[in-house]
Amino acid sequence: MKKFRAMRPEGIYEKVLRQRKIDGIKFYEENSKSFVEVDCPACNSKRKEEKFEKWGYNHCICQECSTLYCSPRPTDKQLGYFYNSYEAPKMWTELLVSADVSRKKISILQGQKSY
């Protein structure tokens, strides 16, 4: 278990989750009026059922292939702005890079122990 904590340092993961919620809600409030309706991204079906809402975003399930997706959703331009301007994506990237480094160290150490 200690090895896994090294990949997800205590407190950092929770901080990233809190920031994701803050940024997600703020982004929705600032941009949702120009979100676009989309068909299923997997099979292009128009048949969907709304399943739940989280932070304002409607999550639908495709009636043809069961893919879960958001519709309406941000445009590509809006998504680019979010990933380049908000704090949560930067924090996720830092966390993932850090976890990757820790995971590689653990893999190397486990490999050395097996000899």
PDB file of N, CA and C in Angstrom:
ATOM      1  N   MET A   1       0.819  -1.187   0.000  1.00  0.00           N
ATOM      2  CA  MET A   1       0.000   0.000   0.000  1.00  0.00           C
ATOM      3  C   MET A   1       0.868   1.258   0.000  1.00  0.00           C
ATOM      4  N   LYS A   2       2.005   1.177   0.674  1.00  0.00           N
ATOM      5  CA  LYS A   2       2.914   2.317   0.741  1.00  0.00           C
ATOM      6  C   LYS A   2       3.388   2.716  -0.661  1.00  0.00           C
ATOM      7  N   LYS A   3       3.601   1.720  -1.509  1.00  0.00           N
ATOM      8  CA  LYS A   3       4.054   1.990  -2.872  1.00  0.00           C
ATOM      9  C   LYS A   3       3.003   2.805  -3.633  1.00  0.00           C
ATOM     10  N   PHE A   4       1.735   2.470  -3.422  1.00  0.00           N
ATOM     11  CA  PHE A   4       0.674   3.169  -4.131  1.00  0.00           C
ATOM     12  C   PHE A   4       0.518   4.600  -3.628  1.00  0.00           C
ATOM     13  N   ARG A   5       0.771   4.846  -2.356  1.00  0.00           N
ATOM     14  CA  ARG A   5       0.716   6.214  -1.821  1.00  0.00           C
ATOM     15  C   ARG A   5       1.778   7.093  -2.458  1.00  0.00           C
ATOM     16  N   ALA A   6       2.896   6.485  -2.840  1.00  0.00           N
ATOM     17  CA  ALA A   6       3.954   7.244  -3.506  1.00  0.00           C
ATOM     18  C   ALA A   6       3.491   7.736  -4.869  1.00  0.00           C
ATOM     19  N   MET A   7       2.604   6.972  -5.494  1.00  0.00           N
ATOM     20  CA  MET A   7       2.091   7.376  -6.803  1.00  0.00           C
ATOM     21  C   MET A   7       0.988   8.426  -6.680  1.00  0.00           C
ATOM     22  N   ARG A   8       0.346   8.472  -5.530  1.00  0.00           N
ATOM     23  CA  ARG A   8      -0.739   9.415  -5.306  1.00  0.00           C
ATOM     24  C   ARG A   8      -0.537  10.037  -3.925  1.00  0.00           C
ATOM     25  N   PRO A   9       0.404  10.981  -3.824  1.00  0.00           N
ATOM     26  CA  PRO A   9       0.731  11.562  -2.523  1.00  0.00           C
ATOM     27  C   PRO A   9      -0.504  12.110  -1.804  1.00  0.00           C
ATOM     28  N   GLU A  10      -0.555  11.838  -0.520  1.00  0.00           N
ATOM     29  CA  GLU A  10      -1.688  12.237   0.308  1.00  0.00           C
ATOM     30  C   GLU A  10      -1.959  13.734   0.211  1.00  0.00           C
ATOM     31  N   GLY A  11      -3.193  14.069  -0.004  1.00  0.00           N
ATOM     32  CA  GLY A  11      -3.604  15.462  -0.051  1.00  0.00           C
ATOM     33  C   GLY A  11      -3.564  16.072  -1.442  1.00  0.00           C
ATOM     34  N   ILE A  12      -2.613  15.665  -2.266  1.00  0.00           N
ATOM     35  CA  ILE A  12      -2.485  16.259  -3.597  1.00  0.00           C
ATOM     36  C   ILE A  12      -3.637  15.826  -4.489  1.00  0.00           C
ATOM     37  N   TYR A  13      -3.958  14.544  -4.483  1.00  0.00           N
ATOM     38  CA  TYR A  13      -5.052  14.033  -5.308  1.00  0.00           C
ATOM     39  C   TYR A  13      -6.367  14.719  -4.929  1.00  0.00           C
ATOM     40  N   GLU A  14      -6.614  14.849  -3.645  1.00  0.00           N
ATOM     41  CA  GLU A  14      -7.837  15.495  -3.177  1.00  0.00           C
ATOM     42  C   GLU A  14      -7.869  16.966  -3.584  1.00  0.00           C
ATOM     43  N   LYS A  15      -6.734  17.625  -3.539  1.00  0.00           N
ATOM     44  CA  LYS A  15      -6.641  19.029  -3.946  1.00  0.00           C
ATOM     45  C   LYS A  15      -6.970  19.184  -5.430  1.00  0.00           C
ATOM     46  N   VAL A  16      -6.461  18.260  -6.233  1.00  0.00           N
ATOM     47  CA  VAL A  16      -6.744  18.292  -7.670  1.00  0.00           C
ATOM     48  C   VAL A  16      -8.236  18.074  -7.916  1.00  0.00           C
ATOM     49  N   LEU A  17      -8.850  17.139  -7.192  1.00  0.00           N
ATOM     50  CA  LEU A  17     -10.287  16.892  -7.350  1.00  0.00           C
ATOM     51  C   LEU A  17     -11.109  18.120  -6.977  1.00  0.00           C
ATOM     52  N   ARG A  18     -10.720  18.803  -5.910  1.00  0.00           N
ATOM     53  CA  ARG A  18     -11.441  20.032  -5.515  1.00  0.00           C
ATOM     54  C   ARG A  18     -11.321  21.100  -6.589  1.00  0.00           C
ATOM     55  N   GLN A  19     -10.110  21.262  -7.132  1.00  0.00           N
ATOM     56  CA  GLN A  19      -9.902  22.269  -8.173  1.00  0.00           C
ATOM     57  C   GLN A  19     -10.666  21.916  -9.442  1.00  0.00           C
ATOM     58  N   ARG A  20     -10.733  20.626  -9.747  1.00  0.00           N
ATOM     59  CA  ARG A  20     -11.483  20.182 -10.930  1.00  0.00           C
ATOM     60  C   ARG A  20     -12.956  20.581 -10.807  1.00  0.00           C
ATOM     61  N   LYS A  21     -13.512  20.412  -9.623  1.00  0.00           N
ATOM     62  CA  LYS A  21     -14.912  20.783  -9.406  1.00  0.00           C
ATOM     63  C   LYS A  21     -15.090  22.299  -9.538  1.00  0.00           C
ATOM     64  N   ILE A  22     -14.209  23.063  -8.896  1.00  0.00           N
ATOM     65  CA  ILE A  22     -14.289  24.528  -8.955  1.00  0.00           C
ATOM     66  C   ILE A  22     -14.207  24.998 -10.405  1.00  0.00           C
ATOM     67  N   ASP A  23     -13.215  24.508 -11.143  1.00  0.00           N
ATOM     68  CA  ASP A  23     -13.023  24.927 -12.528  1.00  0.00           C
ATOM     69  C   ASP A  23     -14.156  24.438 -13.426  1.00  0.00           C
ATOM     70  N   GLY A  24     -14.627  23.213 -13.189  1.00  0.00           N
ATOM     71  CA  GLY A  24     -15.721  22.672 -14.000  1.00  0.00           C
ATOM     72  C   GLY A  24     -16.984  23.497 -13.879  1.00  0.00           C
ATOM     73  N   ILE A  25     -17.324  23.863 -12.653  1.00  0.00           N
ATOM     74  CA  ILE A  25     -18.520  24.671 -12.421  1.00  0.00           C
ATOM     75  C   ILE A  25     -18.346  26.065 -13.016  1.00  0.00           C
ATOM     76  N   LYS A  26     -17.198  26.669 -12.780  1.00  0.00           N
ATOM     77  CA  LYS A  26     -16.945  28.014 -13.308  1.00  0.00           C
ATOM     78  C   LYS A  26     -16.998  28.018 -14.835  1.00  0.00           C
ATOM     79  N   PHE A  27     -16.356  27.036 -15.454  1.00  0.00           N
ATOM     80  CA  PHE A  27     -16.357  26.940 -16.911  1.00  0.00           C
ATOM     81  C   PHE A  27     -17.781  26.776 -17.439  1.00  0.00           C
ATOM     82  N   TYR A  28     -18.576  25.932 -16.790  1.00  0.00           N
ATOM     83  CA  TYR A  28     -19.963  25.720 -17.207  1.00  0.00           C
ATOM     84  C   TYR A  28     -20.746  27.028 -17.114  1.00  0.00           C
ATOM     85  N   GLU A  29     -20.616  27.708 -15.989  1.00  0.00           N
ATOM     86  CA  GLU A  29     -21.360  28.963 -15.798  1.00  0.00           C
ATOM     87  C   GLU A  29     -20.971  30.019 -16.832  1.00  0.00           C
ATOM     88  N   GLU A  30     -19.701  30.055 -17.198  1.00  0.00           N
ATOM     89  CA  GLU A  30     -19.226  31.073 -18.140  1.00  0.00           C
ATOM     90  C   GLU A  30     -19.472  30.725 -19.603  1.00  0.00           C
ATOM     91  N   ASN A  31     -19.655  29.435 -19.919  1.00  0.00           N
ATOM     92  CA  ASN A  31     -19.669  29.024 -21.326  1.00  0.00           C
ATOM     93  C   ASN A  31     -20.871  28.218 -21.790  1.00  0.00           C
ATOM     94  N   SER A  32     -21.703  27.736 -20.890  1.00  0.00           N
ATOM     95  CA  SER A  32     -22.733  26.764 -21.266  1.00  0.00           C
ATOM     96  C   SER A  32     -23.749  27.288 -22.286  1.00  0.00           C
ATOM     97  N   LYS A  33     -23.940  28.574 -22.340  1.00  0.00           N
ATOM     98  CA  LYS A  33     -24.924  29.113 -23.290  1.00  0.00           C
ATOM     99  C   LYS A  33     -24.523  28.846 -24.740  1.00  0.00           C
ATOM    100  N   SER A  34     -23.245  28.630 -24.983  1.00  0.00           N
ATOM    101  CA  SER A  34     -22.797  28.367 -26.348  1.00  0.00           C
ATOM    102  C   SER A  34     -22.341  26.920 -26.558  1.00  0.00           C
ATOM    103  N   PHE A  35     -22.695  26.022 -25.637  1.00  0.00           N
ATOM    104  CA  PHE A  35     -22.403  24.602 -25.821  1.00  0.00           C
ATOM    105  C   PHE A  35     -23.223  24.089 -27.015  1.00  0.00           C
ATOM    106  N   VAL A  36     -22.782  22.991 -27.607  1.00  0.00           N
ATOM    107  CA  VAL A  36     -23.455  22.439 -28.780  1.00  0.00           C
ATOM    108  C   VAL A  36     -23.990  21.037 -28.495  1.00  0.00           C
ATOM    109  N   GLU A  37     -25.159  20.751 -29.075  1.00  0.00           N
ATOM    110  CA  GLU A  37     -25.731  19.401 -28.996  1.00  0.00           C
ATOM    111  C   GLU A  37     -24.909  18.498 -29.902  1.00  0.00           C
ATOM    112  N   VAL A  38     -24.622  17.296 -29.450  1.00  0.00           N
ATOM    113  CA  VAL A  38     -23.856  16.352 -30.260  1.00  0.00           C
ATOM    114  C   VAL A  38     -24.533  14.990 -30.287  1.00  0.00           C
ATOM    115  N   ASP A  39     -24.293  14.270 -31.381  1.00  0.00           N
ATOM    116  CA  ASP A  39     -24.731  12.889 -31.484  1.00  0.00           C
ATOM    117  C   ASP A  39     -23.704  12.024 -30.769  1.00  0.00           C
ATOM    118  N   CYS A  40     -23.981  10.750 -30.663  1.00  0.00           N
ATOM    119  CA  CYS A  40     -23.055   9.831 -29.994  1.00  0.00           C
ATOM    120  C   CYS A  40     -21.676   9.903 -30.658  1.00  0.00           C
ATOM    121  N   PRO A  41     -20.621  10.134 -29.880  1.00  0.00           N
ATOM    122  CA  PRO A  41     -19.278  10.214 -30.461  1.00  0.00           C
ATOM    123  C   PRO A  41     -18.738   8.859 -30.936  1.00  0.00           C
ATOM    124  N   ALA A  42     -19.366   7.769 -30.511  1.00  0.00           N
ATOM    125  CA  ALA A  42     -18.889   6.439 -30.906  1.00  0.00           C
ATOM    126  C   ALA A  42     -19.573   5.919 -32.170  1.00  0.00           C
ATOM    127  N   CYS A  43     -20.902   6.109 -32.274  1.00  0.00           N
ATOM    128  CA  CYS A  43     -21.629   5.511 -33.404  1.00  0.00           C
ATOM    129  C   CYS A  43     -22.457   6.519 -34.198  1.00  0.00           C
ATOM    130  N   ASN A  44     -22.444   7.786 -33.786  1.00  0.00           N
ATOM    131  CA  ASN A  44     -23.182   8.869 -34.449  1.00  0.00           C
ATOM    132  C   ASN A  44     -24.698   8.770 -34.349  1.00  0.00           C
ATOM    133  N   SER A  45     -25.193   7.933 -33.465  1.00  0.00           N
ATOM    134  CA  SER A  45     -26.638   7.827 -33.286  1.00  0.00           C
ATOM    135  C   SER A  45     -27.179   9.107 -32.647  1.00  0.00           C
ATOM    136  N   LYS A  46     -28.372   9.466 -33.033  1.00  0.00           N
ATOM    137  CA  LYS A  46     -29.064  10.614 -32.435  1.00  0.00           C
ATOM    138  C   LYS A  46     -29.901  10.175 -31.229  1.00  0.00           C
ATOM    139  N   ARG A  47     -30.078   8.857 -31.062  1.00  0.00           N
ATOM    140  CA  ARG A  47     -30.918   8.325 -29.987  1.00  0.00           C
ATOM    141  C   ARG A  47     -30.140   8.300 -28.678  1.00  0.00           C
ATOM    142  N   LYS A  48     -30.575   9.136 -27.744  1.00  0.00           N
ATOM    143  CA  LYS A  48     -29.887   9.212 -26.457  1.00  0.00           C
ATOM    144  C   LYS A  48     -30.909   9.386 -25.344  1.00  0.00           C
ATOM    145  N   GLU A  49     -30.480   9.041 -24.162  1.00  0.00           N
ATOM    146  CA  GLU A  49     -31.297   9.219 -22.960  1.00  0.00           C
ATOM    147  C   GLU A  49     -30.454   9.960 -21.933  1.00  0.00           C
ATOM    148  N   GLU A  50     -31.003  11.017 -21.371  1.00  0.00           N
ATOM    149  CA  GLU A  50     -30.270  11.725 -20.318  1.00  0.00           C
ATOM    150  C   GLU A  50     -30.221  10.840 -19.086  1.00  0.00           C
ATOM    151  N   LYS A  51     -29.008  10.658 -18.543  1.00  0.00           N
ATOM    152  CA  LYS A  51     -28.821   9.777 -17.390  1.00  0.00           C
ATOM    153  C   LYS A  51     -28.633  10.543 -16.086  1.00  0.00           C
ATOM    154  N   PHE A  52     -27.758  11.559 -16.118  1.00  0.00           N
ATOM    155  CA  PHE A  52     -27.530  12.342 -14.911  1.00  0.00           C
ATOM    156  C   PHE A  52     -26.880  13.661 -15.268  1.00  0.00           C
ATOM    157  N   GLU A  53     -26.831  14.538 -14.292  1.00  0.00           N
ATOM    158  CA  GLU A  53     -26.214  15.852 -14.448  1.00  0.00           C
ATOM    159  C   GLU A  53     -25.162  15.994 -13.356  1.00  0.00           C
ATOM    160  N   LYS A  54     -24.007  16.532 -13.737  1.00  0.00           N
ATOM    161  CA  LYS A  54     -22.945  16.783 -12.762  1.00  0.00           C
ATOM    162  C   LYS A  54     -22.360  18.153 -13.047  1.00  0.00           C
ATOM    163  N   TRP A  55     -22.443  19.031 -12.089  1.00  0.00           N
ATOM    164  CA  TRP A  55     -21.919  20.402 -12.167  1.00  0.00           C
ATOM    165  C   TRP A  55     -22.546  21.174 -13.330  1.00  0.00           C
ATOM    166  N   GLY A  56     -23.756  20.785 -13.729  1.00  0.00           N
ATOM    167  CA  GLY A  56     -24.459  21.442 -14.816  1.00  0.00           C
ATOM    168  C   GLY A  56     -24.388  20.679 -16.128  1.00  0.00           C
ATOM    169  N   TYR A  57     -23.416  19.798 -16.278  1.00  0.00           N
ATOM    170  CA  TYR A  57     -23.215  19.071 -17.527  1.00  0.00           C
ATOM    171  C   TYR A  57     -24.165  17.878 -17.602  1.00  0.00           C
ATOM    172  N   ASN A  58     -24.922  17.789 -18.709  1.00  0.00           N
ATOM    173  CA  ASN A  58     -25.839  16.664 -18.913  1.00  0.00           C
ATOM    174  C   ASN A  58     -25.065  15.474 -19.479  1.00  0.00           C
ATOM    175  N   HIS A  59     -25.198  14.343 -18.824  1.00  0.00           N
ATOM    176  CA  HIS A  59     -24.566  13.107 -19.283  1.00  0.00           C
ATOM    177  C   HIS A  59     -25.656  12.221 -19.874  1.00  0.00           C
ATOM    178  N   CYS A  60     -25.451  11.810 -21.113  1.00  0.00           N
ATOM    179  CA  CYS A  60     -26.414  10.997 -21.840  1.00  0.00           C
ATOM    180  C   CYS A  60     -25.821   9.631 -22.127  1.00  0.00           C
ATOM    181  N   ILE A  61     -26.718   8.670 -22.358  1.00  0.00           N
ATOM    182  CA  ILE A  61     -26.258   7.350 -22.793  1.00  0.00           C
ATOM    183  C   ILE A  61     -26.883   7.079 -24.147  1.00  0.00           C
ATOM    184  N   CYS A  62     -26.057   6.595 -25.060  1.00  0.00           N
ATOM    185  CA  CYS A  62     -26.517   6.273 -26.408  1.00  0.00           C
ATOM    186  C   CYS A  62     -27.419   5.042 -26.351  1.00  0.00           C
ATOM    187  N   GLN A  63     -28.559   5.129 -27.009  1.00  0.00           N
ATOM    188  CA  GLN A  63     -29.507   4.010 -27.034  1.00  0.00           C
ATOM    189  C   GLN A  63     -29.066   2.897 -27.985  1.00  0.00           C
ATOM    190  N   GLU A  64     -28.081   3.174 -28.820  1.00  0.00           N
ATOM    191  CA  GLU A  64     -27.597   2.170 -29.776  1.00  0.00           C
ATOM    192  C   GLU A  64     -26.394   1.400 -29.240  1.00  0.00           C
ATOM    193  N   CYS A  65     -25.405   2.125 -28.680  1.00  0.00           N
ATOM    194  CA  CYS A  65     -24.150   1.449 -28.305  1.00  0.00           C
ATOM    195  C   CYS A  65     -23.782   1.605 -26.823  1.00  0.00           C
ATOM    196  N   SER A  66     -24.604   2.294 -26.059  1.00  0.00           N
ATOM    197  CA  SER A  66     -24.425   2.467 -24.609  1.00  0.00           C
ATOM    198  C   SER A  66     -23.244   3.351 -24.215  1.00  0.00           C
ATOM    199  N   THR A  67     -22.731   4.150 -25.129  1.00  0.00           N
ATOM    200  CA  THR A  67     -21.658   5.090 -24.799  1.00  0.00           C
ATOM    201  C   THR A  67     -22.222   6.207 -23.931  1.00  0.00           C
ATOM    202  N   LEU A  68     -21.509   6.548 -22.876  1.00  0.00           N
ATOM    203  CA  LEU A  68     -21.884   7.659 -22.008  1.00  0.00           C
ATOM    204  C   LEU A  68     -21.127   8.899 -22.461  1.00  0.00           C
ATOM    205  N   TYR A  69     -21.830  10.014 -22.667  1.00  0.00           N
ATOM    206  CA  TYR A  69     -21.188  11.235 -23.145  1.00  0.00           C
ATOM    207  C   TYR A  69     -21.988  12.460 -22.722  1.00  0.00           C
ATOM    208  N   CYS A  70     -21.372  13.619 -22.841  1.00  0.00           N
ATOM    209  CA  CYS A  70     -22.025  14.882 -22.497  1.00  0.00           C
ATOM    210  C   CYS A  70     -22.634  15.520 -23.738  1.00  0.00           C
ATOM    211  N   SER A  71     -23.870  15.987 -23.589  1.00  0.00           N
ATOM    212  CA  SER A  71     -24.532  16.753 -24.640  1.00  0.00           C
ATOM    213  C   SER A  71     -25.652  17.547 -23.984  1.00  0.00           C
ATOM    214  N   PRO A  72     -25.654  18.862 -24.205  1.00  0.00           N
ATOM    215  CA  PRO A  72     -24.717  19.626 -25.018  1.00  0.00           C
ATOM    216  C   PRO A  72     -23.332  19.662 -24.371  1.00  0.00           C
ATOM    217  N   ARG A  73     -22.351  19.971 -25.191  1.00  0.00           N
ATOM    218  CA  ARG A  73     -20.968  19.973 -24.726  1.00  0.00           C
ATOM    219  C   ARG A  73     -20.229  21.212 -25.246  1.00  0.00           C
ATOM    220  N   PRO A  74     -19.074  21.494 -24.650  1.00  0.00           N
ATOM    221  CA  PRO A  74     -18.285  22.636 -25.132  1.00  0.00           C
ATOM    222  C   PRO A  74     -17.808  22.404 -26.562  1.00  0.00           C
ATOM    223  N   THR A  75     -17.621  23.477 -27.282  1.00  0.00           N
ATOM    224  CA  THR A  75     -17.031  23.383 -28.619  1.00  0.00           C
ATOM    225  C   THR A  75     -15.547  23.040 -28.470  1.00  0.00           C
ATOM    226  N   ASP A  76     -14.924  22.649 -29.562  1.00  0.00           N
ATOM    227  CA  ASP A  76     -13.482  22.363 -29.531  1.00  0.00           C
ATOM    228  C   ASP A  76     -12.697  23.593 -29.074  1.00  0.00           C
ATOM    229  N   LYS A  77     -13.102  24.753 -29.544  1.00  0.00           N
ATOM    230  CA  LYS A  77     -12.420  25.992 -29.160  1.00  0.00           C
ATOM    231  C   LYS A  77     -12.546  26.233 -27.653  1.00  0.00           C
ATOM    232  N   GLN A  78     -13.741  26.009 -27.113  1.00  0.00           N
ATOM    233  CA  GLN A  78     -13.944  26.175 -25.670  1.00  0.00           C
ATOM    234  C   GLN A  78     -13.105  25.178 -24.880  1.00  0.00           C
ATOM    235  N   LEU A  79     -13.040  23.943 -25.349  1.00  0.00           N
ATOM    236  CA  LEU A  79     -12.227  22.938 -24.650  1.00  0.00           C
ATOM    237  C   LEU A  79     -10.754  23.326 -24.659  1.00  0.00           C
ATOM    238  N   GLY A  80     -10.281  23.824 -25.787  1.00  0.00           N
ATOM    239  CA  GLY A  80      -8.896  24.280 -25.863  1.00  0.00           C
ATOM    240  C   GLY A  80      -8.628  25.391 -24.870  1.00  0.00           C
ATOM    241  N   TYR A  81      -9.570  26.312 -24.771  1.00  0.00           N
ATOM    242  CA  TYR A  81      -9.434  27.411 -23.816  1.00  0.00           C
ATOM    243  C   TYR A  81      -9.387  26.870 -22.387  1.00  0.00           C
ATOM    244  N   PHE A  82     -10.274  25.925 -22.070  1.00  0.00           N
ATOM    245  CA  PHE A  82     -10.302  25.345 -20.729  1.00  0.00           C
ATOM    246  C   PHE A  82      -8.959  24.695 -20.392  1.00  0.00           C
ATOM    247  N   TYR A  83      -8.474  23.834 -21.283  1.00  0.00           N
ATOM    248  CA  TYR A  83      -7.233  23.106 -20.993  1.00  0.00           C
ATOM    249  C   TYR A  83      -6.006  23.999 -20.938  1.00  0.00           C
ATOM    250  N   ASN A  84      -6.057  25.132 -21.613  1.00  0.00           N
ATOM    251  CA  ASN A  84      -4.912  26.039 -21.612  1.00  0.00           C
ATOM    252  C   ASN A  84      -5.008  27.168 -20.599  1.00  0.00           C
ATOM    253  N   SER A  85      -6.186  27.411 -20.027  1.00  0.00           N
ATOM    254  CA  SER A  85      -6.368  28.580 -19.174  1.00  0.00           C
ATOM    255  C   SER A  85      -6.766  28.286 -17.733  1.00  0.00           C
ATOM    256  N   TYR A  86      -7.315  27.131 -17.474  1.00  0.00           N
ATOM    257  CA  TYR A  86      -7.787  26.821 -16.127  1.00  0.00           C
ATOM    258  C   TYR A  86      -6.724  26.041 -15.358  1.00  0.00           C
ATOM    259  N   GLU A  87      -6.808  26.087 -14.054  1.00  0.00           N
ATOM    260  CA  GLU A  87      -5.798  25.485 -13.180  1.00  0.00           C
ATOM    261  C   GLU A  87      -5.894  23.954 -13.112  1.00  0.00           C
ATOM    262  N   ALA A  88      -7.113  23.407 -13.097  1.00  0.00           N
ATOM    263  CA  ALA A  88      -7.283  21.960 -12.911  1.00  0.00           C
ATOM    264  C   ALA A  88      -6.528  21.118 -13.944  1.00  0.00           C
ATOM    265  N   PRO A  89      -6.601  21.422 -15.240  1.00  0.00           N
ATOM    266  CA  PRO A  89      -5.846  20.592 -16.196  1.00  0.00           C
ATOM    267  C   PRO A  89      -4.337  20.627 -15.948  1.00  0.00           C
ATOM    268  N   LYS A  90      -3.816  21.767 -15.542  1.00  0.00           N
ATOM    269  CA  LYS A  90      -2.389  21.868 -15.242  1.00  0.00           C
ATOM    270  C   LYS A  90      -2.047  20.992 -14.037  1.00  0.00           C
ATOM    271  N   MET A  91      -2.919  21.026 -13.023  1.00  0.00           N
ATOM    272  CA  MET A  91      -2.692  20.218 -11.825  1.00  0.00           C
ATOM    273  C   MET A  91      -2.756  18.729 -12.157  1.00  0.00           C
ATOM    274  N   TRP A  92      -3.709  18.316 -13.005  1.00  0.00           N
ATOM    275  CA  TRP A  92      -3.820  16.913 -13.412  1.00  0.00           C
ATOM    276  C   TRP A  92      -2.556  16.472 -14.122  1.00  0.00           C
ATOM    277  N   THR A  93      -2.057  17.315 -15.022  1.00  0.00           N
ATOM    278  CA  THR A  93      -0.838  16.974 -15.756  1.00  0.00           C
ATOM    279  C   THR A  93       0.322  16.771 -14.797  1.00  0.00           C
ATOM    280  N   GLU A  94       0.490  17.686 -13.853  1.00  0.00           N
ATOM    281  CA  GLU A  94       1.567  17.558 -12.870  1.00  0.00           C
ATOM    282  C   GLU A  94       1.415  16.279 -12.052  1.00  0.00           C
ATOM    283  N   LEU A  95       0.193  15.975 -11.642  1.00  0.00           N
ATOM    284  CA  LEU A  95      -0.059  14.768 -10.858  1.00  0.00           C
ATOM    285  C   LEU A  95       0.252  13.515 -11.675  1.00  0.00           C
ATOM    286  N   LEU A  96      -0.177  13.485 -12.928  1.00  0.00           N
ATOM    287  CA  LEU A  96       0.065  12.314 -13.767  1.00  0.00           C
ATOM    288  C   LEU A  96       1.546  12.118 -14.060  1.00  0.00           C
ATOM    289  N   VAL A  97       2.265  13.196 -14.321  1.00  0.00           N
ATOM    290  CA  VAL A  97       3.709  13.091 -14.563  1.00  0.00           C
ATOM    291  C   VAL A  97       4.401  12.588 -13.300  1.00  0.00           C
ATOM    292  N   SER A  98       4.029  13.134 -12.166  1.00  0.00           N
ATOM    293  CA  SER A  98       4.604  12.711 -10.890  1.00  0.00           C
ATOM    294  C   SER A  98       4.299  11.233 -10.621  1.00  0.00           C
ATOM    295  N   ALA A  99       3.060  10.831 -10.873  1.00  0.00           N
ATOM    296  CA  ALA A  99       2.673   9.435 -10.651  1.00  0.00           C
ATOM    297  C   ALA A  99       3.427   8.512 -11.597  1.00  0.00           C
ATOM    298  N   ASP A 100       3.630   8.954 -12.838  1.00  0.00           N
ATOM    299  CA  ASP A 100       4.354   8.142 -13.805  1.00  0.00           C
ATOM    300  C   ASP A 100       5.798   7.914 -13.362  1.00  0.00           C
ATOM    301  N   VAL A 101       6.435   8.960 -12.871  1.00  0.00           N
ATOM    302  CA  VAL A 101       7.809   8.840 -12.383  1.00  0.00           C
ATOM    303  C   VAL A 101       7.849   7.870 -11.202  1.00  0.00           C
ATOM    304  N   SER A 102       6.922   8.020 -10.270  1.00  0.00           N
ATOM    305  CA  SER A 102       6.870   7.123  -9.104  1.00  0.00           C
ATOM    306  C   SER A 102       6.605   5.685  -9.534  1.00  0.00           C
ATOM    307  N   ARG A 103       5.698   5.508 -10.490  1.00  0.00           N
ATOM    308  CA  ARG A 103       5.364   4.165 -10.962  1.00  0.00           C
ATOM    309  C   ARG A 103       6.599   3.498 -11.594  1.00  0.00           C
ATOM    310  N   LYS A 104       7.366   4.273 -12.374  1.00  0.00           N
ATOM    311  CA  LYS A 104       8.574   3.723 -12.996  1.00  0.00           C
ATOM    312  C   LYS A 104       9.601   3.335 -11.941  1.00  0.00           C
ATOM    313  N   LYS A 105       9.748   4.168 -10.906  1.00  0.00           N
ATOM    314  CA  LYS A 105      10.693   3.843  -9.827  1.00  0.00           C
ATOM    315  C   LYS A 105      10.273   2.551  -9.134  1.00  0.00           C
ATOM    316  N   ILE A 106       8.987   2.405  -8.866  1.00  0.00           N
ATOM    317  CA  ILE A 106       8.487   1.197  -8.204  1.00  0.00           C
ATOM    318  C   ILE A 106       8.719  -0.020  -9.087  1.00  0.00           C
ATOM    319  N   SER A 107       8.459   0.109 -10.395  1.00  0.00           N
ATOM    320  CA  SER A 107       8.671  -1.002 -11.326  1.00  0.00           C
ATOM    321  C   SER A 107      10.129  -1.425 -11.348  1.00  0.00           C
ATOM    322  N   ILE A 108      11.016  -0.455 -11.360  1.00  0.00           N
ATOM    323  CA  ILE A 108      12.452  -0.747 -11.364  1.00  0.00           C
ATOM    324  C   ILE A 108      12.844  -1.468 -10.081  1.00  0.00           C
ATOM    325  N   LEU A 109      12.360  -0.963  -8.936  1.00  0.00           N
ATOM    326  CA  LEU A 109      12.682  -1.591  -7.651  1.00  0.00           C
ATOM    327  C   LEU A 109      12.131  -3.005  -7.574  1.00  0.00           C
ATOM    328  N   GLN A 110      10.920  -3.216  -8.057  1.00  0.00           N
ATOM    329  CA  GLN A 110      10.356  -4.569  -8.045  1.00  0.00           C
ATOM    330  C   GLN A 110      11.137  -5.491  -8.958  1.00  0.00           C
ATOM    331  N   GLY A 111      11.593  -4.966 -10.087  1.00  0.00           N
ATOM    332  CA  GLY A 111      12.395  -5.772 -11.016  1.00  0.00           C
ATOM    333  C   GLY A 111      13.713  -6.176 -10.386  1.00  0.00           C
ATOM    334  N   GLN A 112      14.315  -5.280  -9.595  1.00  0.00           N
ATOM    335  CA  GLN A 112      15.594  -5.596  -8.955  1.00  0.00           C
ATOM    336  C   GLN A 112      15.409  -6.655  -7.884  1.00  0.00           C
ATOM    337  N   LYS A 113      14.259  -6.651  -7.200  1.00  0.00           N
ATOM    338  CA  LYS A 113      14.020  -7.601  -6.128  1.00  0.00           C
ATOM    339  C   LYS A 113      13.813  -9.026  -6.675  1.00  0.00           C
ATOM    340  N   SER A 114      13.371  -9.126  -7.913  1.00  0.00           N
ATOM    341  CA  SER A 114      13.056 -10.451  -8.438  1.00  0.00           C
ATOM    342  C   SER A 114      14.299 -11.214  -8.875  1.00  0.00           C
ATOM    343  N   TYR A 115      15.463 -10.578  -8.908  1.00  0.00           N
ATOM    344  CA  TYR A 115      16.689 -11.265  -9.326  1.00  0.00           C
ATOM    345  C   TYR A 115      17.355 -11.961  -8.183  1.00  0.00           C
TER     346      TYR A 115
END
